Amino acid sequence: NKSKAPVLYDLYGVVNHYGSMGAGHYTAYCQNFLNKKWYEFNDSRVSELNRSEIVSDSSYVLFYRRRD
């Protein structure tokens, strides 16, 4: 980045972990690139999320995409 403009990133995915380090359950939140909506993936169930539901104490891994 040769310019002085800040580099910006957009969150597009979150992996959540519920339970202990030895055992637990994982879910994922992902943003659809086409419609910009957020979805929760929990085993075989997929449901739409409000943007306000993405922030969680159970967030384990965050995925960001650099803006062009």
Protein backbone atom coordinates (compact mmCIF):
# COMPACT_ATOMS: atom_id res chain seq x y z
CA ASN A 1 0.00 0.00 0.00
CA LYS A 2 2.03 2.96 -1.29
CA SER A 3 -0.65 5.56 -0.64
CA LYS A 4 -1.49 6.91 2.79
CA ALA A 5 -5.10 5.76 2.51
CA PRO A 6 -6.10 3.29 5.23
CA VAL A 7 -6.56 -0.34 4.25
CA LEU A 8 -10.11 -1.46 5.01
CA TYR A 9 -11.47 -4.96 5.55
CA ASP A 10 -15.01 -6.38 5.60
CA LEU A 11 -16.06 -9.26 7.81
CA TYR A 12 -17.61 -12.09 5.77
CA GLY A 13 -17.44 -15.15 8.00
CA VAL A 14 -17.38 -16.22 11.64
CA VAL A 15 -16.82 -19.63 13.22
CA ASN A 16 -18.40 -20.00 16.67
CA HIS A 17 -17.49 -22.58 19.30
CA TYR A 18 -19.77 -23.55 22.17
CA GLY A 19 -18.45 -25.76 24.98
CA SER A 20 -14.96 -26.54 26.25
CA MET A 21 -11.65 -26.99 24.45
CA GLY A 22 -12.02 -30.77 24.73
CA ALA A 23 -15.59 -30.94 23.47
CA GLY A 24 -18.23 -28.69 22.05
CA HIS A 25 -20.21 -27.61 19.06
CA TYR A 26 -19.31 -25.38 16.11
CA THR A 27 -21.54 -23.14 14.02
CA ALA A 28 -20.70 -20.68 11.25
CA TYR A 29 -22.01 -17.30 10.12
CA CYS A 30 -21.33 -16.38 6.49
CA GLN A 31 -22.28 -13.44 4.32
CA ASN A 32 -23.56 -14.18 0.83
CA PHE A 33 -21.45 -12.18 -1.66
CA LEU A 34 -24.36 -11.63 -4.03
CA ASN A 35 -27.20 -10.51 -1.76
CA LYS A 36 -25.09 -9.34 1.24
CA LYS A 37 -27.34 -11.26 3.66
CA TRP A 38 -25.93 -13.20 6.61
CA TYR A 39 -26.68 -16.86 7.26
CA GLU A 40 -26.10 -19.23 10.17
CA PHE A 41 -24.96 -22.77 9.40
CA ASN A 42 -25.72 -25.15 12.28
CA ASP A 43 -25.38 -28.83 11.36
CA SER A 44 -27.97 -29.42 8.62
CA ARG A 45 -29.91 -26.22 9.34
CA VAL A 46 -29.32 -22.89 7.54
CA SER A 47 -31.14 -19.75 8.65
CA GLU A 48 -30.93 -16.05 7.84
CA LEU A 49 -29.45 -13.75 10.49
CA ASN A 50 -29.83 -10.09 11.32
CA ARG A 51 -26.52 -8.25 11.17
CA SER A 52 -26.80 -7.47 14.91
CA GLU A 53 -26.70 -11.22 15.73
CA ILE A 54 -23.20 -11.73 14.29
CA VAL A 55 -21.30 -10.40 17.32
CA SER A 56 -21.00 -13.16 19.90
CA ASP A 57 -18.90 -14.19 22.92
CA SER A 58 -18.59 -17.57 21.19
CA SER A 59 -16.76 -16.22 18.11
CA TYR A 60 -13.65 -18.34 17.54
CA VAL A 61 -12.34 -17.52 14.03
CA LEU A 62 -13.10 -14.38 11.99
CA PHE A 63 -12.74 -14.11 8.20
CA TYR A 64 -12.09 -10.75 6.55
CA ARG A 65 -11.83 -9.66 2.92
CA ARG A 66 -9.69 -6.67 1.97
CA ARG A 67 -11.55 -3.91 0.16
CA ASP A 68 -10.18 -2.85 -3.21
